[in-house]
Amino acid sequence: MDPIIAPPAAAQPAAPAVDRNSRAYKAAQDFESVFLGQMVAQMYTGLDAKGTFGGGFAEETYRSLLYQEIGRQMSAGGGVGIADAVYAEMVKLQGDVK
């Protein structure tokens, strides 16, 4: 009985080098921060704001600003890799125009 030999993996093109100072990367990082902010907001869905300063219209307004800032800080601190993936796709679609 012959062993099953897997075919060689198709050659993948090299990922473009990430230029973290480019406008395209900044846009990708902004996208990641908005996405992460929305994810954080979903984590708090259904929680009641109880306590001395909880509740009201202003609390809702400032809570959304808090979620945006948390997403921005997460993305600036390295994020979860969405910005790099979005940047790579943008560069691929633009033909390496920065």
PDB file of N, CA and C in Angstrom:
ATOM      1  N   MET A   1       0.840  -1.161   0.000  1.00  0.00           N
ATOM      2  CA  MET A   1       0.000   0.000   0.000  1.00  0.00           C
ATOM      3  C   MET A   1       0.893   1.235   0.000  1.00  0.00           C
ATOM      4  N   ASP A   2       0.657   2.144  -0.934  1.00  0.00           N
ATOM      5  CA  ASP A   2       1.446   3.369  -1.055  1.00  0.00           C
ATOM      6  C   ASP A   2       0.931   4.433  -0.090  1.00  0.00           C
ATOM      7  N   PRO A   3       1.843   5.175   0.552  1.00  0.00           N
ATOM      8  CA  PRO A   3       1.395   6.267   1.423  1.00  0.00           C
ATOM      9  C   PRO A   3       0.800   7.391   0.575  1.00  0.00           C
ATOM     10  N   ILE A   4      -0.145   8.084   1.158  1.00  0.00           N
ATOM     11  CA  ILE A   4      -0.770   9.205   0.461  1.00  0.00           C
ATOM     12  C   ILE A   4       0.137  10.415   0.608  1.00  0.00           C
ATOM     13  N   ILE A   5       0.489  10.970  -0.514  1.00  0.00           N
ATOM     14  CA  ILE A   5       1.376  12.133  -0.519  1.00  0.00           C
ATOM     15  C   ILE A   5       0.549  13.348  -0.911  1.00  0.00           C
ATOM     16  N   ALA A   6       0.608  14.351  -0.069  1.00  0.00           N
ATOM     17  CA  ALA A   6      -0.134  15.575  -0.342  1.00  0.00           C
ATOM     18  C   ALA A   6       0.568  16.363  -1.433  1.00  0.00           C
ATOM     19  N   PRO A   7      -0.212  16.989  -2.314  1.00  0.00           N
ATOM     20  CA  PRO A   7       0.421  17.818  -3.345  1.00  0.00           C
ATOM     21  C   PRO A   7       1.071  19.031  -2.701  1.00  0.00           C
ATOM     22  N   PRO A   8       2.098  19.579  -3.340  1.00  0.00           N
ATOM     23  CA  PRO A   8       2.756  20.757  -2.764  1.00  0.00           C
ATOM     24  C   PRO A   8       1.788  21.929  -2.693  1.00  0.00           C
ATOM     25  N   ALA A   9       1.948  22.713  -1.651  1.00  0.00           N
ATOM     26  CA  ALA A   9       1.093  23.890  -1.484  1.00  0.00           C
ATOM     27  C   ALA A   9       1.392  24.896  -2.582  1.00  0.00           C
ATOM     28  N   ALA A  10       0.349  25.553  -3.036  1.00  0.00           N
ATOM     29  CA  ALA A  10       0.525  26.576  -4.066  1.00  0.00           C
ATOM     30  C   ALA A  10       1.359  27.719  -3.502  1.00  0.00           C
ATOM     31  N   ALA A  11       2.205  28.242  -4.330  1.00  0.00           N
ATOM     32  CA  ALA A  11       3.053  29.348  -3.884  1.00  0.00           C
ATOM     33  C   ALA A  11       2.186  30.573  -3.619  1.00  0.00           C
ATOM     34  N   GLN A  12       2.284  31.093  -2.430  1.00  0.00           N
ATOM     35  CA  GLN A  12       1.540  32.280  -2.051  1.00  0.00           C
ATOM     36  C   GLN A  12       2.414  33.505  -2.299  1.00  0.00           C
ATOM     37  N   PRO A  13       1.817  34.563  -2.845  1.00  0.00           N
ATOM     38  CA  PRO A  13       2.618  35.774  -3.027  1.00  0.00           C
ATOM     39  C   PRO A  13       2.993  36.345  -1.669  1.00  0.00           C
ATOM     40  N   ALA A  14       4.155  36.945  -1.616  1.00  0.00           N
ATOM     41  CA  ALA A  14       4.627  37.522  -0.359  1.00  0.00           C
ATOM     42  C   ALA A  14       3.724  38.670   0.057  1.00  0.00           C
ATOM     43  N   ALA A  15       3.431  38.740   1.347  1.00  0.00           N
ATOM     44  CA  ALA A  15       2.615  39.829   1.866  1.00  0.00           C
ATOM     45  C   ALA A  15       3.403  41.135   1.751  1.00  0.00           C
ATOM     46  N   PRO A  16       2.713  42.222   1.404  1.00  0.00           N
ATOM     47  CA  PRO A  16       3.434  43.487   1.277  1.00  0.00           C
ATOM     48  C   PRO A  16       3.948  43.948   2.634  1.00  0.00           C
ATOM     49  N   ALA A  17       5.084  44.626   2.605  1.00  0.00           N
ATOM     50  CA  ALA A  17       5.624  45.178   3.848  1.00  0.00           C
ATOM     51  C   ALA A  17       4.669  46.250   4.351  1.00  0.00           C
ATOM     52  N   VAL A  18       4.426  46.242   5.641  1.00  0.00           N
ATOM     53  CA  VAL A  18       3.478  47.187   6.232  1.00  0.00           C
ATOM     54  C   VAL A  18       4.191  48.506   6.504  1.00  0.00           C
ATOM     55  N   ASP A  19       3.726  49.552   5.850  1.00  0.00           N
ATOM     56  CA  ASP A  19       4.242  50.901   6.077  1.00  0.00           C
ATOM     57  C   ASP A  19       3.287  51.586   7.050  1.00  0.00           C
ATOM     58  N   ARG A  20       3.619  51.555   8.325  1.00  0.00           N
ATOM     59  CA  ARG A  20       2.721  52.065   9.363  1.00  0.00           C
ATOM     60  C   ARG A  20       2.573  53.583   9.349  1.00  0.00           C
ATOM     61  N   ASN A  21       3.339  54.275   8.533  1.00  0.00           N
ATOM     62  CA  ASN A  21       3.230  55.725   8.432  1.00  0.00           C
ATOM     63  C   ASN A  21       2.408  56.170   7.225  1.00  0.00           C
ATOM     64  N   SER A  22       1.958  55.231   6.408  1.00  0.00           N
ATOM     65  CA  SER A  22       1.223  55.599   5.202  1.00  0.00           C
ATOM     66  C   SER A  22      -0.220  55.957   5.529  1.00  0.00           C
ATOM     67  N   ARG A  23      -0.825  56.716   4.634  1.00  0.00           N
ATOM     68  CA  ARG A  23      -2.231  57.086   4.803  1.00  0.00           C
ATOM     69  C   ARG A  23      -3.124  55.862   4.710  1.00  0.00           C
ATOM     70  N   ALA A  24      -2.738  54.895   3.887  1.00  0.00           N
ATOM     71  CA  ALA A  24      -3.533  53.677   3.746  1.00  0.00           C
ATOM     72  C   ALA A  24      -3.559  52.897   5.063  1.00  0.00           C
ATOM     73  N   TYR A  25      -2.414  52.831   5.735  1.00  0.00           N
ATOM     74  CA  TYR A  25      -2.391  52.106   7.013  1.00  0.00           C
ATOM     75  C   TYR A  25      -3.186  52.859   8.072  1.00  0.00           C
ATOM     76  N   LYS A  26      -3.113  54.185   8.059  1.00  0.00           N
ATOM     77  CA  LYS A  26      -3.900  54.972   9.016  1.00  0.00           C
ATOM     78  C   LYS A  26      -5.391  54.717   8.807  1.00  0.00           C
ATOM     79  N   ALA A  27      -5.816  54.634   7.544  1.00  0.00           N
ATOM     80  CA  ALA A  27      -7.224  54.341   7.249  1.00  0.00           C
ATOM     81  C   ALA A  27      -7.594  52.940   7.722  1.00  0.00           C
ATOM     82  N   ALA A  28      -6.702  51.987   7.519  1.00  0.00           N
ATOM     83  CA  ALA A  28      -6.957  50.618   7.982  1.00  0.00           C
ATOM     84  C   ALA A  28      -7.027  50.563   9.502  1.00  0.00           C
ATOM     85  N   GLN A  29      -6.178  51.327  10.165  1.00  0.00           N
ATOM     86  CA  GLN A  29      -6.187  51.368  11.629  1.00  0.00           C
ATOM     87  C   GLN A  29      -7.458  52.046  12.139  1.00  0.00           C
ATOM     88  N   ASP A  30      -7.926  53.072  11.443  1.00  0.00           N
ATOM     89  CA  ASP A  30      -9.195  53.709  11.804  1.00  0.00           C
ATOM     90  C   ASP A  30     -10.349  52.721  11.673  1.00  0.00           C
ATOM     91  N   PHE A  31     -10.327  51.935  10.597  1.00  0.00           N
ATOM     92  CA  PHE A  31     -11.354  50.909  10.417  1.00  0.00           C
ATOM     93  C   PHE A  31     -11.338  49.921  11.574  1.00  0.00           C
ATOM     94  N   GLU A  32     -10.132  49.476  11.952  1.00  0.00           N
ATOM     95  CA  GLU A  32     -10.012  48.524  13.053  1.00  0.00           C
ATOM     96  C   GLU A  32     -10.513  49.136  14.362  1.00  0.00           C
ATOM     97  N   SER A  33     -10.224  50.401  14.604  1.00  0.00           N
ATOM     98  CA  SER A  33     -10.654  51.023  15.859  1.00  0.00           C
ATOM     99  C   SER A  33     -12.174  51.144  15.911  1.00  0.00           C
ATOM    100  N   VAL A  34     -12.814  51.460  14.787  1.00  0.00           N
ATOM    101  CA  VAL A  34     -14.281  51.521  14.751  1.00  0.00           C
ATOM    102  C   VAL A  34     -14.864  50.133  14.989  1.00  0.00           C
ATOM    103  N   PHE A  35     -14.292  49.137  14.337  1.00  0.00           N
ATOM    104  CA  PHE A  35     -14.762  47.756  14.515  1.00  0.00           C
ATOM    105  C   PHE A  35     -14.630  47.319  15.968  1.00  0.00           C
ATOM    106  N   LEU A  36     -13.480  47.575  16.569  1.00  0.00           N
ATOM    107  CA  LEU A  36     -13.272  47.178  17.958  1.00  0.00           C
ATOM    108  C   LEU A  36     -14.190  47.949  18.901  1.00  0.00           C
ATOM    109  N   GLY A  37     -14.430  49.221  18.617  1.00  0.00           N
ATOM    110  CA  GLY A  37     -15.367  50.003  19.418  1.00  0.00           C
ATOM    111  C   GLY A  37     -16.771  49.415  19.377  1.00  0.00           C
ATOM    112  N   GLN A  38     -17.182  48.966  18.196  1.00  0.00           N
ATOM    113  CA  GLN A  38     -18.496  48.330  18.068  1.00  0.00           C
ATOM    114  C   GLN A  38     -18.549  47.001  18.818  1.00  0.00           C
ATOM    115  N   MET A  39     -17.458  46.266  18.795  1.00  0.00           N
ATOM    116  CA  MET A  39     -17.409  44.997  19.537  1.00  0.00           C
ATOM    117  C   MET A  39     -17.502  45.241  21.041  1.00  0.00           C
ATOM    118  N   VAL A  40     -16.808  46.265  21.531  1.00  0.00           N
ATOM    119  CA  VAL A  40     -16.857  46.606  22.949  1.00  0.00           C
ATOM    120  C   VAL A  40     -18.273  47.033  23.327  1.00  0.00           C
ATOM    121  N   ALA A  41     -18.921  47.815  22.467  1.00  0.00           N
ATOM    122  CA  ALA A  41     -20.287  48.256  22.745  1.00  0.00           C
ATOM    123  C   ALA A  41     -21.228  47.057  22.861  1.00  0.00           C
ATOM    124  N   GLN A  42     -21.031  46.061  22.024  1.00  0.00           N
ATOM    125  CA  GLN A  42     -21.883  44.870  22.091  1.00  0.00           C
ATOM    126  C   GLN A  42     -21.675  44.087  23.391  1.00  0.00           C
ATOM    127  N   MET A  43     -20.469  44.156  23.923  1.00  0.00           N
ATOM    128  CA  MET A  43     -20.205  43.455  25.187  1.00  0.00           C
ATOM    129  C   MET A  43     -21.000  44.060  26.330  1.00  0.00           C
ATOM    130  N   TYR A  44     -21.307  45.345  26.232  1.00  0.00           N
ATOM    131  CA  TYR A  44     -22.031  46.028  27.307  1.00  0.00           C
ATOM    132  C   TYR A  44     -23.534  46.089  27.074  1.00  0.00           C
ATOM    133  N   THR A  45     -24.027  45.525  25.971  1.00  0.00           N
ATOM    134  CA  THR A  45     -25.450  45.543  25.689  1.00  0.00           C
ATOM    135  C   THR A  45     -26.203  44.782  26.779  1.00  0.00           C
ATOM    136  N   GLY A  46     -27.231  45.418  27.288  1.00  0.00           N
ATOM    137  CA  GLY A  46     -28.063  44.766  28.297  1.00  0.00           C
ATOM    138  C   GLY A  46     -27.644  45.028  29.729  1.00  0.00           C
ATOM    139  N   LEU A  47     -26.511  45.675  29.922  1.00  0.00           N
ATOM    140  CA  LEU A  47     -26.083  45.994  31.284  1.00  0.00           C
ATOM    141  C   LEU A  47     -26.737  47.287  31.735  1.00  0.00           C
ATOM    142  N   ASP A  48     -27.211  47.308  32.953  1.00  0.00           N
ATOM    143  CA  ASP A  48     -27.810  48.519  33.498  1.00  0.00           C
ATOM    144  C   ASP A  48     -26.736  49.387  34.125  1.00  0.00           C
ATOM    145  N   ALA A  49     -26.875  50.690  33.924  1.00  0.00           N
ATOM    146  CA  ALA A  49     -25.947  51.640  34.533  1.00  0.00           C
ATOM    147  C   ALA A  49     -26.521  52.041  35.886  1.00  0.00           C
ATOM    148  N   LYS A  50     -26.149  51.355  36.899  1.00  0.00           N
ATOM    149  CA  LYS A  50     -26.644  51.644  38.244  1.00  0.00           C
ATOM    150  C   LYS A  50     -25.553  52.362  39.027  1.00  0.00           C
ATOM    151  N   GLY A  51     -25.948  53.035  40.052  1.00  0.00           N
ATOM    152  CA  GLY A  51     -24.986  53.716  40.898  1.00  0.00           C
ATOM    153  C   GLY A  51     -25.245  55.200  40.932  1.00  0.00           C
ATOM    154  N   THR A  52     -24.339  55.906  41.526  1.00  0.00           N
ATOM    155  CA  THR A  52     -24.507  57.340  41.731  1.00  0.00           C
ATOM    156  C   THR A  52     -24.611  58.114  40.427  1.00  0.00           C
ATOM    157  N   PHE A  53     -23.788  57.784  39.438  1.00  0.00           N
ATOM    158  CA  PHE A  53     -23.748  58.561  38.203  1.00  0.00           C
ATOM    159  C   PHE A  53     -24.375  57.809  37.030  1.00  0.00           C
ATOM    160  N   GLY A  54     -25.108  56.760  37.259  1.00  0.00           N
ATOM    161  CA  GLY A  54     -25.639  55.939  36.178  1.00  0.00           C
ATOM    162  C   GLY A  54     -26.948  56.441  35.622  1.00  0.00           C
ATOM    163  N   GLY A  55     -27.165  56.166  34.342  1.00  0.00           N
ATOM    164  CA  GLY A  55     -28.435  56.447  33.696  1.00  0.00           C
ATOM    165  C   GLY A  55     -28.515  57.806  33.043  1.00  0.00           C
ATOM    166  N   GLY A  56     -29.567  57.989  32.252  1.00  0.00           N
ATOM    167  CA  GLY A  56     -29.825  59.270  31.623  1.00  0.00           C
ATOM    168  C   GLY A  56     -29.247  59.387  30.229  1.00  0.00           C
ATOM    169  N   PHE A  57     -29.643  60.479  29.566  1.00  0.00           N
ATOM    170  CA  PHE A  57     -29.210  60.731  28.189  1.00  0.00           C
ATOM    171  C   PHE A  57     -27.700  60.966  28.106  1.00  0.00           C
ATOM    172  N   ALA A  58     -27.178  61.737  29.042  1.00  0.00           N
ATOM    173  CA  ALA A  58     -25.741  62.046  29.004  1.00  0.00           C
ATOM    174  C   ALA A  58     -24.910  60.780  29.188  1.00  0.00           C
ATOM    175  N   GLU A  59     -25.385  59.884  30.029  1.00  0.00           N
ATOM    176  CA  GLU A  59     -24.645  58.624  30.243  1.00  0.00           C
ATOM    177  C   GLU A  59     -24.575  57.831  28.950  1.00  0.00           C
ATOM    178  N   GLU A  60     -25.661  57.791  28.195  1.00  0.00           N
ATOM    179  CA  GLU A  60     -25.666  57.075  26.916  1.00  0.00           C
ATOM    180  C   GLU A  60     -24.679  57.714  25.936  1.00  0.00           C
ATOM    181  N   THR A  61     -24.657  59.039  25.913  1.00  0.00           N
ATOM    182  CA  THR A  61     -23.761  59.758  25.006  1.00  0.00           C
ATOM    183  C   THR A  61     -22.306  59.492  25.356  1.00  0.00           C
ATOM    184  N   TYR A  62     -21.969  59.631  26.601  1.00  0.00           N
ATOM    185  CA  TYR A  62     -20.576  59.458  27.007  1.00  0.00           C
ATOM    186  C   TYR A  62     -20.149  58.003  26.968  1.00  0.00           C
ATOM    187  N   ARG A  63     -21.074  57.095  27.146  1.00  0.00           N
ATOM    188  CA  ARG A  63     -20.728  55.678  27.059  1.00  0.00           C
ATOM    189  C   ARG A  63     -20.292  55.343  25.633  1.00  0.00           C
ATOM    190  N   SER A  64     -20.973  55.876  24.636  1.00  0.00           N
ATOM    191  CA  SER A  64     -20.566  55.600  23.252  1.00  0.00           C
ATOM    192  C   SER A  64     -19.196  56.204  22.956  1.00  0.00           C
ATOM    193  N   LEU A  65     -18.909  57.377  23.527  1.00  0.00           N
ATOM    194  CA  LEU A  65     -17.582  57.963  23.365  1.00  0.00           C
ATOM    195  C   LEU A  65     -16.515  57.103  24.039  1.00  0.00           C
ATOM    196  N   LEU A  66     -16.859  56.525  25.170  1.00  0.00           N
ATOM    197  CA  LEU A  66     -15.939  55.622  25.861  1.00  0.00           C
ATOM    198  C   LEU A  66     -15.633  54.405  25.000  1.00  0.00           C
ATOM    199  N   TYR A  67     -16.654  53.836  24.383  1.00  0.00           N
ATOM    200  CA  TYR A  67     -16.440  52.666  23.524  1.00  0.00           C
ATOM    201  C   TYR A  67     -15.543  53.008  22.338  1.00  0.00           C
ATOM    202  N   GLN A  68     -15.769  54.184  21.746  1.00  0.00           N
ATOM    203  CA  GLN A  68     -14.918  54.612  20.631  1.00  0.00           C
ATOM    204  C   GLN A  68     -13.466  54.743  21.066  1.00  0.00           C
ATOM    205  N   GLU A  69     -13.257  55.340  22.233  1.00  0.00           N
ATOM    206  CA  GLU A  69     -11.887  55.534  22.712  1.00  0.00           C
ATOM    207  C   GLU A  69     -11.232  54.201  23.072  1.00  0.00           C
ATOM    208  N   ILE A  70     -11.987  53.284  23.643  1.00  0.00           N
ATOM    209  CA  ILE A  70     -11.434  51.958  23.939  1.00  0.00           C
ATOM    210  C   ILE A  70     -10.999  51.290  22.640  1.00  0.00           C
ATOM    211  N   GLY A  71     -11.833  51.361  21.610  1.00  0.00           N
ATOM    212  CA  GLY A  71     -11.472  50.790  20.312  1.00  0.00           C
ATOM    213  C   GLY A  71     -10.240  51.451  19.728  1.00  0.00           C
ATOM    214  N   ARG A  72     -10.135  52.767  19.858  1.00  0.00           N
ATOM    215  CA  ARG A  72      -8.973  53.505  19.344  1.00  0.00           C
ATOM    216  C   ARG A  72      -7.701  53.082  20.077  1.00  0.00           C
ATOM    217  N   GLN A  73      -7.788  52.958  21.385  1.00  0.00           N
ATOM    218  CA  GLN A  73      -6.617  52.566  22.175  1.00  0.00           C
ATOM    219  C   GLN A  73      -6.210  51.122  21.886  1.00  0.00           C
ATOM    220  N   MET A  74      -7.193  50.247  21.706  1.00  0.00           N
ATOM    221  CA  MET A  74      -6.875  48.855  21.367  1.00  0.00           C
ATOM    222  C   MET A  74      -6.158  48.773  20.027  1.00  0.00           C
ATOM    223  N   SER A  75      -6.648  49.525  19.056  1.00  0.00           N
ATOM    224  CA  SER A  75      -6.035  49.507  17.728  1.00  0.00           C
ATOM    225  C   SER A  75      -4.632  50.107  17.768  1.00  0.00           C
ATOM    226  N   ALA A  76      -4.466  51.204  18.503  1.00  0.00           N
ATOM    227  CA  ALA A  76      -3.153  51.843  18.605  1.00  0.00           C
ATOM    228  C   ALA A  76      -2.151  50.956  19.333  1.00  0.00           C
ATOM    229  N   GLY A  77      -2.627  50.115  20.222  1.00  0.00           N
ATOM    230  CA  GLY A  77      -1.752  49.228  20.973  1.00  0.00           C
ATOM    231  C   GLY A  77      -1.426  47.929  20.263  1.00  0.00           C
ATOM    232  N   GLY A  78      -1.750  47.828  19.002  1.00  0.00           N
ATOM    233  CA  GLY A  78      -1.438  46.618  18.248  1.00  0.00           C
ATOM    234  C   GLY A  78      -2.679  45.952  17.693  1.00  0.00           C
ATOM    235  N   GLY A  79      -3.831  46.230  18.286  1.00  0.00           N
ATOM    236  CA  GLY A  79      -5.090  45.692  17.778  1.00  0.00           C
ATOM    237  C   GLY A  79      -5.137  44.186  17.764  1.00  0.00           C
ATOM    238  N   VAL A  80      -5.949  43.679  16.877  1.00  0.00           N
ATOM    239  CA  VAL A  80      -6.127  42.237  16.760  1.00  0.00           C
ATOM    240  C   VAL A  80      -5.731  41.733  15.375  1.00  0.00           C
ATOM    241  N   GLY A  81      -5.101  42.591  14.580  1.00  0.00           N
ATOM    242  CA  GLY A  81      -4.617  42.178  13.269  1.00  0.00           C
ATOM    243  C   GLY A  81      -5.514  42.581  12.111  1.00  0.00           C
ATOM    244  N   ILE A  82      -6.623  43.229  12.410  1.00  0.00           N
ATOM    245  CA  ILE A  82      -7.531  43.637  11.338  1.00  0.00           C
ATOM    246  C   ILE A  82      -6.884  44.713  10.476  1.00  0.00           C
ATOM    247  N   ALA A  83      -6.215  45.669  11.091  1.00  0.00           N
ATOM    248  CA  ALA A  83      -5.601  46.761  10.334  1.00  0.00           C
ATOM    249  C   ALA A  83      -4.558  46.232   9.351  1.00  0.00           C
ATOM    250  N   ASP A  84      -3.750  45.280   9.776  1.00  0.00           N
ATOM    251  CA  ASP A  84      -2.736  44.724   8.874  1.00  0.00           C
ATOM    252  C   ASP A  84      -3.386  44.010   7.693  1.00  0.00           C
ATOM    253  N   ALA A  85      -4.459  43.260   7.965  1.00  0.00           N
ATOM    254  CA  ALA A  85      -5.145  42.535   6.895  1.00  0.00           C
ATOM    255  C   ALA A  85      -5.824  43.497   5.931  1.00  0.00           C
ATOM    256  N   VAL A  86      -6.471  44.529   6.460  1.00  0.00           N
ATOM    257  CA  VAL A  86      -7.138  45.514   5.608  1.00  0.00           C
ATOM    258  C   VAL A  86      -6.096  46.273   4.789  1.00  0.00           C
ATOM    259  N   TYR A  87      -4.981  46.643   5.425  1.00  0.00           N
ATOM    260  CA  TYR A  87      -3.911  47.344   4.712  1.00  0.00           C
ATOM    261  C   TYR A  87      -3.373  46.482   3.569  1.00  0.00           C
ATOM    262  N   ALA A  88      -3.118  45.221   3.845  1.00  0.00           N
ATOM    263  CA  ALA A  88      -2.587  44.325   2.810  1.00  0.00           C
ATOM    264  C   ALA A  88      -3.559  44.229   1.638  1.00  0.00           C
ATOM    265  N   GLU A  89      -4.833  44.153   1.930  1.00  0.00           N
ATOM    266  CA  GLU A  89      -5.831  44.071   0.858  1.00  0.00           C
ATOM    267  C   GLU A  89      -5.900  45.384   0.077  1.00  0.00           C
ATOM    268  N   MET A  90      -5.816  46.515   0.780  1.00  0.00           N
ATOM    269  CA  MET A  90      -5.833  47.811   0.105  1.00  0.00           C
ATOM    270  C   MET A  90      -4.633  47.954  -0.826  1.00  0.00           C
ATOM    271  N   VAL A  91      -3.466  47.562  -0.347  1.00  0.00           N
ATOM    272  CA  VAL A  91      -2.252  47.661  -1.164  1.00  0.00           C
ATOM    273  C   VAL A  91      -2.347  46.740  -2.371  1.00  0.00           C
ATOM    274  N   LYS A  92      -2.881  45.552  -2.155  1.00  0.00           N
ATOM    275  CA  LYS A  92      -3.023  44.599  -3.258  1.00  0.00           C
ATOM    276  C   LYS A  92      -3.972  45.150  -4.322  1.00  0.00           C
ATOM    277  N   LEU A  93      -5.072  45.763  -3.888  1.00  0.00           N
ATOM    278  CA  LEU A  93      -6.045  46.291  -4.847  1.00  0.00           C
ATOM    279  C   LEU A  93      -5.546  47.550  -5.540  1.00  0.00           C
ATOM    280  N   GLN A  94      -4.686  48.317  -4.873  1.00  0.00           N
ATOM    281  CA  GLN A  94      -4.169  49.545  -5.460  1.00  0.00           C
ATOM    282  C   GLN A  94      -2.906  49.321  -6.282  1.00  0.00           C
ATOM    283  N   GLY A  95      -2.359  48.144  -6.210  1.00  0.00           N
ATOM    284  CA  GLY A  95      -1.144  47.883  -6.960  1.00  0.00           C
ATOM    285  C   GLY A  95       0.076  48.482  -6.295  1.00  0.00           C
ATOM    286  N   ASP A  96       0.121  48.434  -4.964  1.00  0.00           N
ATOM    287  CA  ASP A  96       1.245  48.910  -4.161  1.00  0.00           C
ATOM    288  C   ASP A  96       1.422  50.428  -4.240  1.00  0.00           C
ATOM    289  N   VAL A  97       0.304  51.161  -4.406  1.00  0.00           N
ATOM    290  CA  VAL A  97       0.339  52.620  -4.362  1.00  0.00           C
ATOM    291  C   VAL A  97       0.115  53.037  -2.936  1.00  0.00           C
ATOM    292  N   LYS A  98       0.956  53.921  -2.396  1.00  0.00           N
ATOM    293  CA  LYS A  98       0.839  54.292  -0.993  1.00  0.00           C
ATOM    294  C   LYS A  98       0.321  55.687  -0.826  1.00  0.00           C
TER     295      LYS A  98
END
